[in-house]
């Protein structure tokens, strides 16, 4: 049934061109960061979930190994090259993840159908983050958690100007990644109540600072 749903959704929305080279290099490029700090934050966010969980922008499946065995994980990833690698990782890990090749702007799920959503390094790239956050609010049950790890817009004027300056080029080499998005503001404007928020100075230039947090669906 899950495969049938995936095929129908893909046929209805079409398969995006994707980024084959970026997908092939992604795990290699992030290997050091995963060992130094990203892995620990993924463990915190994914490991703290329960029930039915939506993994948003699954990429190559970097979160999959951190979900509790009892969690029912559904992933969404619109890039077919990333999705192929995510499915392979889920198979290697023995994780029964249902993965759909759709974007977060139009989720094919009923209202209030998930207990939590995990978003890691995704809101920087999604074409319409506000619409995606509205969709996450729709599919989360009342009180459901949005657990996130993102790099965000800086707060110092000079650093903000630099991020704005390099964004056009960075989007091209980073598969649509925006280093200058005000993600905290977007989450709050979408009706979520942030209950936990930490900021970190790590991350390669220009994608710093980073934030990790938890927000509740109102």
N, C-alpha and C. Protein backbone atom coordinates (compact mmCIF):
# COMPACT_ATOMS: atom_id res chain seq x y z
N UNK A 1 0.82 -1.20 0.00
CA UNK A 1 0.00 0.00 0.00
C UNK A 1 0.86 1.26 0.00
N UNK A 2 1.99 1.23 0.75
CA UNK A 2 2.85 2.40 0.79
C UNK A 2 3.49 2.67 -0.57
N UNK A 3 3.90 1.60 -1.28
CA UNK A 3 4.49 1.76 -2.59
C UNK A 3 3.47 2.28 -3.58
N UNK A 4 2.24 1.81 -3.45
CA UNK A 4 1.18 2.28 -4.34
C UNK A 4 0.93 3.77 -4.12
N UNK A 5 0.89 4.20 -2.87
CA UNK A 5 0.69 5.62 -2.56
C UNK A 5 1.83 6.44 -3.13
N UNK A 6 3.05 5.96 -2.97
CA UNK A 6 4.20 6.70 -3.49
C UNK A 6 4.10 6.86 -5.01
N UNK A 7 3.77 5.79 -5.71
CA UNK A 7 3.70 5.83 -7.17
C UNK A 7 2.60 6.77 -7.65
N UNK A 8 1.45 6.75 -6.96
CA UNK A 8 0.36 7.62 -7.36
C UNK A 8 0.71 9.09 -7.16
N UNK A 9 1.36 9.38 -6.03
CA UNK A 9 1.76 10.77 -5.76
C UNK A 9 2.77 11.23 -6.79
N UNK A 10 3.74 10.39 -7.11
CA UNK A 10 4.76 10.76 -8.09
C UNK A 10 4.14 11.01 -9.45
N UNK A 11 3.19 10.15 -9.85
CA UNK A 11 2.53 10.33 -11.13
C UNK A 11 1.72 11.62 -11.16
N UNK A 12 1.09 11.96 -10.04
CA UNK A 12 0.23 13.14 -9.99
C UNK A 12 1.03 14.43 -10.04
N UNK A 13 2.16 14.48 -9.34
CA UNK A 13 2.91 15.72 -9.21
C UNK A 13 4.10 15.80 -10.17
N UNK A 14 4.47 14.67 -10.76
CA UNK A 14 5.62 14.67 -11.65
C UNK A 14 6.92 14.52 -10.88
N UNK A 15 7.97 14.08 -11.55
CA UNK A 15 9.27 13.89 -10.91
C UNK A 15 10.18 15.07 -11.23
N UNK A 16 10.69 15.78 -10.23
CA UNK A 16 11.55 16.92 -10.49
C UNK A 16 12.88 16.49 -11.10
N UNK A 17 13.57 17.42 -11.71
CA UNK A 17 14.86 17.11 -12.34
C UNK A 17 15.88 16.66 -11.31
N UNK A 18 15.90 17.33 -10.18
CA UNK A 18 16.81 16.94 -9.11
C UNK A 18 18.24 17.40 -9.36
N UNK A 19 19.12 17.00 -8.47
CA UNK A 19 20.53 17.41 -8.51
C UNK A 19 21.40 16.16 -8.35
N UNK A 20 21.66 15.44 -9.44
CA UNK A 20 22.37 14.16 -9.34
C UNK A 20 23.79 14.29 -8.79
N UNK A 21 24.53 15.33 -9.19
CA UNK A 21 25.91 15.48 -8.71
C UNK A 21 25.92 15.84 -7.23
N UNK A 22 25.06 16.78 -6.84
CA UNK A 22 24.99 17.18 -5.43
C UNK A 22 24.60 15.99 -4.55
N UNK A 23 23.63 15.19 -5.02
CA UNK A 23 23.20 14.01 -4.26
C UNK A 23 24.34 13.01 -4.11
N UNK A 24 25.11 12.82 -5.16
CA UNK A 24 26.20 11.87 -5.13
C UNK A 24 27.31 12.30 -4.17
N UNK A 25 27.51 13.62 -4.04
CA UNK A 25 28.61 14.13 -3.22
C UNK A 25 28.19 14.48 -1.79
N UNK A 26 26.90 14.54 -1.52
CA UNK A 26 26.41 15.12 -0.27
C UNK A 26 27.01 14.42 0.96
N UNK A 27 26.92 13.11 1.02
CA UNK A 27 27.41 12.40 2.21
C UNK A 27 28.92 12.59 2.39
N UNK A 28 29.64 12.63 1.28
CA UNK A 28 31.09 12.85 1.36
C UNK A 28 31.39 14.25 1.88
N UNK A 29 30.66 15.24 1.38
CA UNK A 29 30.91 16.63 1.78
C UNK A 29 30.56 16.88 3.24
N UNK A 30 29.60 16.17 3.77
CA UNK A 30 29.14 16.41 5.14
C UNK A 30 29.69 15.39 6.15
N UNK A 31 30.54 14.48 5.70
CA UNK A 31 31.01 13.41 6.59
C UNK A 31 31.69 13.97 7.84
N UNK A 32 32.58 14.93 7.67
CA UNK A 32 33.29 15.49 8.81
C UNK A 32 32.32 16.20 9.76
N UNK A 33 31.40 17.00 9.20
CA UNK A 33 30.44 17.72 10.03
C UNK A 33 29.53 16.76 10.78
N UNK A 34 29.17 15.65 10.14
CA UNK A 34 28.31 14.67 10.81
C UNK A 34 29.01 14.10 12.04
N UNK A 35 30.30 13.84 11.91
CA UNK A 35 31.05 13.27 13.03
C UNK A 35 31.27 14.29 14.14
N UNK A 36 31.51 15.55 13.75
CA UNK A 36 31.87 16.56 14.74
C UNK A 36 30.65 17.08 15.51
N UNK A 37 29.53 17.33 14.81
CA UNK A 37 28.40 17.91 15.54
C UNK A 37 27.03 17.56 14.97
N UNK A 38 26.88 17.38 13.66
CA UNK A 38 25.55 17.15 13.12
C UNK A 38 24.92 15.86 13.63
N UNK A 39 25.72 14.81 13.72
CA UNK A 39 25.19 13.53 14.17
C UNK A 39 24.58 13.60 15.56
N UNK A 40 25.23 14.31 16.46
CA UNK A 40 24.71 14.43 17.83
C UNK A 40 23.38 15.18 17.85
N UNK A 41 23.25 16.19 17.01
CA UNK A 41 22.00 16.95 16.96
C UNK A 41 20.89 16.14 16.29
N UNK A 42 21.22 15.38 15.27
CA UNK A 42 20.23 14.48 14.67
C UNK A 42 19.74 13.46 15.70
N UNK A 43 20.67 12.94 16.49
CA UNK A 43 20.31 11.96 17.52
C UNK A 43 19.34 12.58 18.53
N UNK A 44 19.60 13.81 18.90
CA UNK A 44 18.73 14.49 19.87
C UNK A 44 17.33 14.70 19.30
N UNK A 45 17.28 15.19 18.05
CA UNK A 45 15.98 15.53 17.47
C UNK A 45 15.19 14.29 17.07
N UNK A 46 15.80 13.42 16.30
CA UNK A 46 15.09 12.22 15.86
C UNK A 46 14.87 11.24 17.01
N UNK A 47 15.87 11.14 17.88
CA UNK A 47 15.76 10.20 19.00
C UNK A 47 14.71 10.58 20.02
N UNK A 48 14.27 11.84 20.01
CA UNK A 48 13.26 12.28 20.96
C UNK A 48 11.84 12.18 20.45
N UNK A 49 11.64 11.48 19.36
CA UNK A 49 10.31 11.36 18.78
C UNK A 49 9.63 10.06 19.20
N UNK A 50 8.32 10.03 18.99
CA UNK A 50 7.53 8.82 19.27
C UNK A 50 6.28 8.87 18.41
N UNK A 51 5.68 7.72 18.19
CA UNK A 51 4.46 7.67 17.41
C UNK A 51 4.74 7.76 15.93
N UNK A 52 3.89 8.48 15.22
CA UNK A 52 4.03 8.64 13.77
C UNK A 52 4.81 9.92 13.50
N UNK A 53 5.92 9.80 12.78
CA UNK A 53 6.86 10.90 12.61
C UNK A 53 7.06 11.18 11.12
N UNK A 54 7.05 12.46 10.77
CA UNK A 54 7.31 12.89 9.40
C UNK A 54 8.74 13.43 9.32
N UNK A 55 9.56 12.78 8.50
CA UNK A 55 10.92 13.23 8.26
C UNK A 55 10.89 14.10 7.00
N UNK A 56 11.09 15.39 7.16
CA UNK A 56 10.88 16.36 6.09
C UNK A 56 12.19 16.63 5.35
N UNK A 57 12.16 16.49 4.02
CA UNK A 57 13.38 16.68 3.24
C UNK A 57 14.42 15.66 3.63
N UNK A 58 14.09 14.39 3.48
CA UNK A 58 14.94 13.31 3.99
C UNK A 58 16.34 13.29 3.40
N UNK A 59 16.53 13.89 2.22
CA UNK A 59 17.86 13.89 1.63
C UNK A 59 18.35 12.48 1.39
N UNK A 60 19.54 12.19 1.87
CA UNK A 60 20.11 10.85 1.73
C UNK A 60 19.75 9.94 2.90
N UNK A 61 18.86 10.40 3.76
CA UNK A 61 18.41 9.57 4.88
C UNK A 61 19.28 9.68 6.11
N UNK A 62 19.95 10.80 6.30
CA UNK A 62 20.90 10.94 7.42
C UNK A 62 20.23 10.81 8.78
N UNK A 63 18.93 11.11 8.87
CA UNK A 63 18.24 11.00 10.16
C UNK A 63 17.79 9.58 10.48
N UNK A 64 17.69 8.73 9.49
CA UNK A 64 16.99 7.46 9.66
C UNK A 64 17.53 6.61 10.79
N UNK A 65 18.84 6.57 10.92
CA UNK A 65 19.45 5.71 11.93
C UNK A 65 19.23 6.15 13.36
N UNK A 66 18.70 7.35 13.57
CA UNK A 66 18.53 7.89 14.91
C UNK A 66 17.11 7.76 15.45
N UNK A 67 16.17 7.35 14.63
CA UNK A 67 14.79 7.23 15.10
C UNK A 67 14.62 6.00 16.00
N UNK A 68 13.80 6.11 17.06
CA UNK A 68 13.55 4.96 17.91
C UNK A 68 12.91 3.82 17.12
N UNK A 69 13.19 2.58 17.49
CA UNK A 69 12.64 1.44 16.75
C UNK A 69 11.12 1.45 16.66
N UNK A 70 10.45 2.00 17.67
CA UNK A 70 8.99 1.97 17.68
C UNK A 70 8.36 3.09 16.86
N UNK A 71 9.14 4.06 16.44
CA UNK A 71 8.58 5.18 15.68
C UNK A 71 8.17 4.73 14.28
N UNK A 72 7.03 5.21 13.82
CA UNK A 72 6.57 4.96 12.45
C UNK A 72 7.00 6.17 11.62
N UNK A 73 8.03 5.99 10.81
CA UNK A 73 8.65 7.09 10.11
C UNK A 73 8.18 7.15 8.66
N UNK A 74 7.71 8.33 8.26
CA UNK A 74 7.36 8.61 6.88
C UNK A 74 8.23 9.77 6.42
N UNK A 75 8.93 9.61 5.31
CA UNK A 75 9.79 10.65 4.80
C UNK A 75 9.25 11.26 3.52
N UNK A 76 9.56 12.53 3.30
CA UNK A 76 9.25 13.18 2.03
C UNK A 76 10.54 13.80 1.49
N UNK A 77 10.81 13.54 0.21
CA UNK A 77 12.02 14.05 -0.44
C UNK A 77 11.73 14.20 -1.94
N UNK A 78 11.67 15.44 -2.45
CA UNK A 78 11.29 15.64 -3.85
C UNK A 78 12.39 15.34 -4.86
N UNK A 79 13.64 15.33 -4.44
CA UNK A 79 14.74 15.07 -5.37
C UNK A 79 14.89 13.56 -5.55
N UNK A 80 14.66 13.04 -6.76
CA UNK A 80 14.70 11.59 -6.95
C UNK A 80 16.08 10.98 -6.71
N UNK A 81 17.14 11.76 -6.91
CA UNK A 81 18.49 11.25 -6.70
C UNK A 81 18.80 11.13 -5.21
N UNK A 82 18.34 12.09 -4.44
CA UNK A 82 18.45 12.00 -2.99
C UNK A 82 17.59 10.85 -2.46
N UNK A 83 16.36 10.77 -2.95
CA UNK A 83 15.43 9.74 -2.48
C UNK A 83 15.97 8.34 -2.73
N UNK A 84 16.62 8.14 -3.86
CA UNK A 84 17.19 6.82 -4.17
C UNK A 84 18.22 6.43 -3.11
N UNK A 85 19.04 7.38 -2.72
CA UNK A 85 20.06 7.10 -1.71
C UNK A 85 19.44 6.91 -0.32
N UNK A 86 18.36 7.66 -0.05
CA UNK A 86 17.68 7.51 1.24
C UNK A 86 17.05 6.12 1.37
N UNK A 87 16.44 5.63 0.31
CA UNK A 87 15.85 4.29 0.34
C UNK A 87 16.93 3.23 0.55
N UNK A 88 18.06 3.41 -0.11
CA UNK A 88 19.15 2.46 0.06
C UNK A 88 19.66 2.46 1.50
N UNK A 89 19.73 3.64 2.11
CA UNK A 89 20.19 3.71 3.50
C UNK A 89 19.19 3.05 4.44
N UNK A 90 17.91 3.31 4.23
CA UNK A 90 16.89 2.69 5.07
C UNK A 90 16.97 1.17 4.98
N UNK A 91 17.23 0.66 3.79
CA UNK A 91 17.35 -0.79 3.60
C UNK A 91 18.57 -1.33 4.34
N UNK A 92 19.71 -0.62 4.23
CA UNK A 92 20.92 -1.06 4.92
C UNK A 92 20.72 -1.08 6.43
N UNK A 93 19.98 -0.08 6.93
CA UNK A 93 19.77 0.02 8.38
C UNK A 93 18.65 -0.90 8.88
N UNK A 94 17.89 -1.47 7.96
CA UNK A 94 16.75 -2.29 8.36
C UNK A 94 15.61 -1.46 8.92
N UNK A 95 15.48 -0.21 8.43
CA UNK A 95 14.45 0.70 8.91
C UNK A 95 13.26 0.70 7.95
N UNK A 96 12.07 0.39 8.41
CA UNK A 96 10.89 0.38 7.53
C UNK A 96 10.34 1.78 7.28
N UNK A 97 11.10 2.60 6.59
CA UNK A 97 10.70 3.98 6.32
C UNK A 97 9.89 4.04 5.03
N UNK A 98 8.74 4.69 5.08
CA UNK A 98 7.97 4.98 3.87
C UNK A 98 8.45 6.32 3.34
N UNK A 99 8.93 6.35 2.09
CA UNK A 99 9.48 7.57 1.53
C UNK A 99 8.73 7.96 0.26
N UNK A 100 8.19 9.18 0.25
CA UNK A 100 7.46 9.70 -0.89
C UNK A 100 8.25 10.81 -1.57
N UNK A 101 8.25 10.81 -2.88
CA UNK A 101 8.98 11.83 -3.65
C UNK A 101 8.09 13.04 -3.88
N UNK A 102 7.84 13.78 -2.83
CA UNK A 102 7.01 14.98 -2.89
C UNK A 102 7.67 16.08 -2.08
N UNK A 103 7.32 17.32 -2.38
CA UNK A 103 7.82 18.45 -1.63
C UNK A 103 6.95 18.73 -0.42
N UNK A 104 7.47 19.53 0.50
CA UNK A 104 6.74 19.83 1.73
C UNK A 104 5.66 20.87 1.53
N UNK A 105 5.61 21.52 0.37
CA UNK A 105 4.61 22.57 0.15
C UNK A 105 3.19 22.01 -0.04
N UNK A 106 3.09 20.74 -0.41
CA UNK A 106 1.78 20.12 -0.63
C UNK A 106 1.86 18.67 -0.18
N UNK A 107 1.63 18.44 1.10
CA UNK A 107 1.80 17.11 1.68
C UNK A 107 0.53 16.27 1.47
N UNK A 108 0.68 15.04 0.99
CA UNK A 108 -0.48 14.18 0.70
C UNK A 108 -0.96 13.39 1.91
N UNK A 109 -1.16 14.09 3.04
CA UNK A 109 -1.57 13.44 4.27
C UNK A 109 -2.77 14.15 4.88
N UNK A 110 -3.60 13.43 5.61
CA UNK A 110 -4.75 14.06 6.27
C UNK A 110 -4.30 15.02 7.37
N UNK A 111 -5.21 15.89 7.78
CA UNK A 111 -4.95 16.79 8.89
C UNK A 111 -4.66 15.99 10.16
N UNK A 112 -3.77 16.54 10.99
CA UNK A 112 -3.49 15.99 12.32
C UNK A 112 -3.14 14.51 12.27
N UNK A 113 -2.30 14.12 11.32
CA UNK A 113 -1.99 12.70 11.16
C UNK A 113 -0.60 12.31 11.65
N UNK A 114 0.17 13.28 12.20
CA UNK A 114 1.50 12.98 12.70
C UNK A 114 1.68 13.53 14.12
N UNK A 115 2.49 12.81 14.90
CA UNK A 115 2.81 13.24 16.26
C UNK A 115 3.99 14.21 16.29
N UNK A 116 4.87 14.10 15.31
CA UNK A 116 6.05 14.97 15.26
C UNK A 116 6.54 15.08 13.83
N UNK A 117 7.26 16.16 13.56
CA UNK A 117 7.94 16.35 12.28
C UNK A 117 9.37 16.77 12.59
N UNK A 118 10.31 16.20 11.85
CA UNK A 118 11.72 16.51 12.04
C UNK A 118 12.25 17.17 10.77
N UNK A 119 12.83 18.36 10.93
CA UNK A 119 13.32 19.15 9.80
C UNK A 119 14.78 19.48 10.08
N UNK A 120 15.69 18.90 9.31
CA UNK A 120 17.12 19.13 9.54
C UNK A 120 17.77 19.62 8.26
N UNK A 121 18.24 20.86 8.28
CA UNK A 121 18.93 21.48 7.15
C UNK A 121 18.07 21.41 5.88
N UNK A 122 16.81 21.81 6.02
CA UNK A 122 15.84 21.71 4.94
C UNK A 122 15.18 23.05 4.63
N UNK A 123 14.82 23.81 5.65
CA UNK A 123 14.09 25.06 5.43
C UNK A 123 14.94 26.11 4.70
N UNK A 124 16.23 25.89 4.64
CA UNK A 124 17.10 26.77 3.87
C UNK A 124 16.94 26.56 2.37
N UNK A 125 16.43 25.39 1.98
CA UNK A 125 16.40 24.98 0.57
C UNK A 125 15.00 24.93 -0.01
N UNK A 126 14.01 24.62 0.80
CA UNK A 126 12.63 24.51 0.31
C UNK A 126 12.24 25.80 -0.41
N UNK A 127 11.69 25.69 -1.63
CA UNK A 127 11.35 26.91 -2.38
C UNK A 127 10.39 27.85 -1.65
N UNK A 128 9.42 27.30 -0.93
CA UNK A 128 8.44 28.13 -0.23
C UNK A 128 8.35 27.68 1.23
N UNK A 129 9.26 28.16 2.10
CA UNK A 129 9.28 27.68 3.48
C UNK A 129 8.01 28.02 4.25
N UNK A 130 7.41 29.19 3.99
CA UNK A 130 6.20 29.56 4.72
C UNK A 130 5.05 28.60 4.42
N UNK A 131 4.88 28.28 3.15
CA UNK A 131 3.83 27.34 2.77
C UNK A 131 4.11 25.95 3.35
N UNK A 132 5.38 25.56 3.35
CA UNK A 132 5.75 24.26 3.90
C UNK A 132 5.46 24.20 5.40
N UNK A 133 5.77 25.27 6.11
CA UNK A 133 5.50 25.29 7.55
C UNK A 133 4.00 25.27 7.82
N UNK A 134 3.22 25.93 6.97
CA UNK A 134 1.77 25.87 7.12
C UNK A 134 1.27 24.44 6.93
N UNK A 135 1.85 23.73 5.96
CA UNK A 135 1.47 22.34 5.73
C UNK A 135 1.87 21.46 6.93
N UNK A 136 3.03 21.72 7.50
CA UNK A 136 3.44 20.95 8.67
C UNK A 136 2.49 21.21 9.84
N UNK A 137 2.07 22.45 10.00
CA UNK A 137 1.09 22.74 11.03
C UNK A 137 -0.22 22.01 10.79
N UNK A 138 -0.58 21.84 9.54
CA UNK A 138 -1.82 21.14 9.20
C UNK A 138 -1.74 19.66 9.52
N UNK A 139 -0.63 19.01 9.18
CA UNK A 139 -0.57 17.55 9.34
C UNK A 139 -0.16 17.12 10.75
N UNK A 140 0.34 18.06 11.56
CA UNK A 140 0.66 17.71 12.94
C UNK A 140 -0.61 17.76 13.80
N UNK A 141 -0.71 16.84 14.72
CA UNK A 141 -1.83 16.87 15.65
C UNK A 141 -1.68 18.06 16.60
N UNK A 142 -2.75 18.52 17.24
CA UNK A 142 -2.61 19.59 18.24
C UNK A 142 -1.59 19.21 19.32
N UNK A 143 -0.65 20.09 19.55
CA UNK A 143 0.41 19.78 20.49
C UNK A 143 1.56 19.00 19.90
N UNK A 144 1.47 18.65 18.60
CA UNK A 144 2.54 17.92 17.95
C UNK A 144 3.81 18.75 17.85
N UNK A 145 4.95 18.08 17.78
CA UNK A 145 6.24 18.77 17.83
C UNK A 145 6.84 18.96 16.44
N UNK A 146 7.38 20.14 16.21
CA UNK A 146 8.26 20.41 15.09
C UNK A 146 9.67 20.49 15.67
N UNK A 147 10.53 19.55 15.30
CA UNK A 147 11.89 19.47 15.83
C UNK A 147 12.85 19.83 14.71
N UNK A 148 13.67 20.84 14.91
CA UNK A 148 14.41 21.41 13.78
C UNK A 148 15.87 21.69 14.10
N UNK A 149 16.69 21.57 13.05
CA UNK A 149 18.09 21.96 13.06
C UNK A 149 18.34 22.67 11.74
N UNK A 150 18.68 23.96 11.79
CA UNK A 150 18.82 24.75 10.58
C UNK A 150 19.94 25.78 10.73
N UNK A 151 20.53 26.17 9.61
CA UNK A 151 21.39 27.37 9.64
C UNK A 151 20.51 28.55 9.25
N UNK A 152 20.80 29.71 9.82
CA UNK A 152 19.86 30.83 9.74
C UNK A 152 20.58 32.15 9.43
N UNK A 153 19.76 33.16 9.24
CA UNK A 153 20.26 34.52 8.99
C UNK A 153 21.02 35.02 10.22
N UNK A 154 22.12 35.68 9.98
CA UNK A 154 22.94 36.20 11.08
C UNK A 154 22.25 37.40 11.73
N UNK A 155 22.83 37.87 12.81
CA UNK A 155 22.27 39.01 13.54
C UNK A 155 23.15 40.24 13.46
N UNK A 156 24.42 40.09 13.10
CA UNK A 156 25.31 41.24 13.00
C UNK A 156 25.23 41.82 11.58
N UNK A 157 25.18 43.16 11.44
CA UNK A 157 24.97 43.79 10.13
C UNK A 157 25.97 43.37 9.06
N UNK A 158 27.24 43.31 9.40
CA UNK A 158 28.24 42.96 8.42
C UNK A 158 28.08 41.54 7.90
N UNK A 159 27.79 40.63 8.82
CA UNK A 159 27.61 39.23 8.44
C UNK A 159 26.32 39.06 7.62
N UNK A 160 25.29 39.80 7.96
CA UNK A 160 24.04 39.76 7.19
C UNK A 160 24.29 40.22 5.76
N UNK A 161 25.04 41.30 5.59
CA UNK A 161 25.33 41.81 4.25
C UNK A 161 26.11 40.78 3.43
N UNK A 162 27.04 40.11 4.09
CA UNK A 162 27.83 39.08 3.40
C UNK A 162 26.92 37.93 2.96
N UNK A 163 26.04 37.47 3.84
CA UNK A 163 25.13 36.40 3.47
C UNK A 163 24.24 36.80 2.29
N UNK A 164 23.71 38.00 2.34
CA UNK A 164 22.87 38.47 1.23
C UNK A 164 23.66 38.53 -0.08
N UNK A 165 24.92 38.93 0.02
CA UNK A 165 25.76 39.08 -1.16
C UNK A 165 26.04 37.73 -1.83
N UNK A 166 26.31 36.71 -1.02
CA UNK A 166 26.72 35.42 -1.60
C UNK A 166 25.54 34.49 -1.90
N UNK A 167 24.34 34.84 -1.45
CA UNK A 167 23.20 33.95 -1.63
C UNK A 167 22.95 33.56 -3.09
N UNK A 168 22.95 34.49 -4.06
CA UNK A 168 22.69 34.08 -5.45
C UNK A 168 23.63 32.99 -5.95
N UNK A 169 24.93 33.11 -5.64
CA UNK A 169 25.89 32.09 -6.05
C UNK A 169 25.73 30.82 -5.24
N UNK A 170 25.51 30.97 -3.92
CA UNK A 170 25.41 29.81 -3.05
C UNK A 170 24.21 28.94 -3.44
N UNK A 171 23.13 29.56 -3.86
CA UNK A 171 21.95 28.79 -4.30
C UNK A 171 22.30 27.89 -5.47
N UNK A 172 23.16 28.37 -6.35
CA UNK A 172 23.52 27.59 -7.54
C UNK A 172 24.39 26.40 -7.19
N UNK A 173 25.36 26.59 -6.32
CA UNK A 173 26.27 25.49 -6.00
C UNK A 173 25.73 24.60 -4.89
N UNK A 174 24.72 25.07 -4.15
CA UNK A 174 24.20 24.31 -3.02
C UNK A 174 22.79 23.78 -3.22
N UNK A 175 22.40 23.55 -4.47
CA UNK A 175 21.10 22.93 -4.78
C UNK A 175 19.94 23.72 -4.19
N UNK A 176 20.04 25.06 -4.25
CA UNK A 176 18.94 25.90 -3.79
C UNK A 176 19.05 26.39 -2.37
N UNK A 177 20.15 26.10 -1.70
CA UNK A 177 20.32 26.51 -0.30
C UNK A 177 20.47 28.02 -0.17
N UNK A 178 19.71 28.62 0.76
CA UNK A 178 19.79 30.05 1.07
C UNK A 178 20.47 30.23 2.43
N UNK A 179 21.62 30.87 2.49
CA UNK A 179 22.26 31.08 3.80
C UNK A 179 21.68 32.22 4.61
N UNK A 180 20.73 32.98 4.06
CA UNK A 180 20.28 34.21 4.71
C UNK A 180 18.81 34.20 5.13
N UNK A 181 18.20 33.05 5.32
CA UNK A 181 16.79 33.00 5.67
C UNK A 181 16.55 33.18 7.18
N UNK A 182 15.51 33.93 7.50
CA UNK A 182 15.10 34.14 8.89
C UNK A 182 14.16 33.01 9.29
N UNK A 183 14.73 31.86 9.56
CA UNK A 183 13.93 30.66 9.80
C UNK A 183 13.17 30.74 11.12
N UNK A 184 13.78 31.31 12.14
CA UNK A 184 13.07 31.43 13.43
C UNK A 184 11.81 32.26 13.24
N UNK A 185 11.93 33.39 12.56
CA UNK A 185 10.77 34.23 12.30
C UNK A 185 9.71 33.50 11.49
N UNK A 186 10.13 32.73 10.50
CA UNK A 186 9.18 32.00 9.67
C UNK A 186 8.41 30.97 10.49
N UNK A 187 9.09 30.29 11.38
CA UNK A 187 8.42 29.29 12.24
C UNK A 187 7.38 29.98 13.13
N UNK A 188 7.76 31.09 13.73
CA UNK A 188 6.83 31.80 14.61
C UNK A 188 5.66 32.39 13.84
N UNK A 189 5.91 32.92 12.67
CA UNK A 189 4.82 33.49 11.86
C UNK A 189 3.85 32.42 11.38
N UNK A 190 4.30 31.18 11.33
CA UNK A 190 3.44 30.10 10.87
C UNK A 190 2.54 29.54 11.96
N UNK A 191 2.59 30.13 13.15
CA UNK A 191 1.68 29.73 14.21
C UNK A 191 2.25 28.72 15.18
N UNK A 192 3.52 28.37 15.04
CA UNK A 192 4.15 27.46 16.00
C UNK A 192 4.62 28.24 17.23
N UNK A 193 4.62 27.57 18.35
CA UNK A 193 5.14 28.17 19.58
C UNK A 193 6.46 27.50 19.91
N UNK A 194 7.54 28.24 19.81
CA UNK A 194 8.86 27.68 20.07
C UNK A 194 9.06 27.53 21.58
N UNK A 195 9.33 26.31 21.99
CA UNK A 195 9.51 26.02 23.42
C UNK A 195 10.97 25.76 23.77
N UNK A 196 11.79 25.57 22.77
CA UNK A 196 13.21 25.28 23.01
C UNK A 196 14.00 25.82 21.83
N UNK A 197 15.05 26.58 22.10
CA UNK A 197 15.84 27.15 21.01
C UNK A 197 17.28 27.37 21.49
N UNK A 198 18.22 26.81 20.77
CA UNK A 198 19.64 27.00 21.06
C UNK A 198 20.34 27.47 19.79
N UNK A 199 21.30 28.36 19.96
CA UNK A 199 22.05 28.88 18.82
C UNK A 199 23.51 28.44 18.94
N UNK A 200 24.12 28.20 17.78
CA UNK A 200 25.50 27.71 17.74
C UNK A 200 26.27 28.49 16.69
N UNK A 201 27.54 28.74 16.97
CA UNK A 201 28.38 29.48 16.05
C UNK A 201 29.04 28.59 15.01
N UNK A 202 28.91 27.25 15.16
CA UNK A 202 29.60 26.38 14.22
C UNK A 202 28.92 26.36 12.85
N UNK A 203 29.61 25.76 11.91
CA UNK A 203 29.12 25.68 10.54
C UNK A 203 30.08 26.37 9.61
N UNK A 204 30.24 25.86 8.40
CA UNK A 204 31.15 26.51 7.44
C UNK A 204 30.57 27.83 6.95
N UNK A 205 31.43 28.73 6.55
CA UNK A 205 30.96 29.99 5.98
C UNK A 205 30.34 29.70 4.62
N UNK A 206 29.22 30.34 4.25
CA UNK A 206 28.49 31.37 5.00
C UNK A 206 27.30 30.81 5.79
N UNK A 207 27.26 29.45 5.98
CA UNK A 207 26.06 28.87 6.59
C UNK A 207 26.24 28.74 8.11
N UNK A 208 26.30 29.84 8.73
CA UNK A 208 26.28 29.95 10.19
C UNK A 208 25.67 31.28 10.57
N UNK A 209 25.06 31.43 11.72
CA UNK A 209 24.95 30.47 12.81
C UNK A 209 23.92 29.37 12.52
N UNK A 210 23.87 28.41 13.43
CA UNK A 210 22.89 27.34 13.34
C UNK A 210 22.00 27.37 14.57
N UNK A 211 20.82 26.80 14.43
CA UNK A 211 19.89 26.72 15.55
C UNK A 211 19.36 25.29 15.67
N UNK A 212 19.05 24.92 16.89
CA UNK A 212 18.34 23.66 17.15
C UNK A 212 17.21 23.96 18.10
N UNK A 213 16.03 23.42 17.81
CA UNK A 213 14.90 23.72 18.68
C UNK A 213 13.73 22.81 18.50
N UNK A 214 12.73 23.11 19.32
CA UNK A 214 11.45 22.38 19.30
C UNK A 214 10.34 23.41 19.35
N UNK A 215 9.35 23.23 18.50
CA UNK A 215 8.18 24.12 18.49
C UNK A 215 6.92 23.25 18.52
N UNK A 216 5.87 23.78 19.10
CA UNK A 216 4.61 23.04 19.22
C UNK A 216 3.56 23.62 18.30
N UNK A 217 2.78 22.75 17.70
CA UNK A 217 1.64 23.19 16.92
C UNK A 217 0.61 23.78 17.85
N UNK A 218 0.18 24.97 17.56
CA UNK A 218 -0.78 25.65 18.46
C UNK A 218 -2.10 24.88 18.48
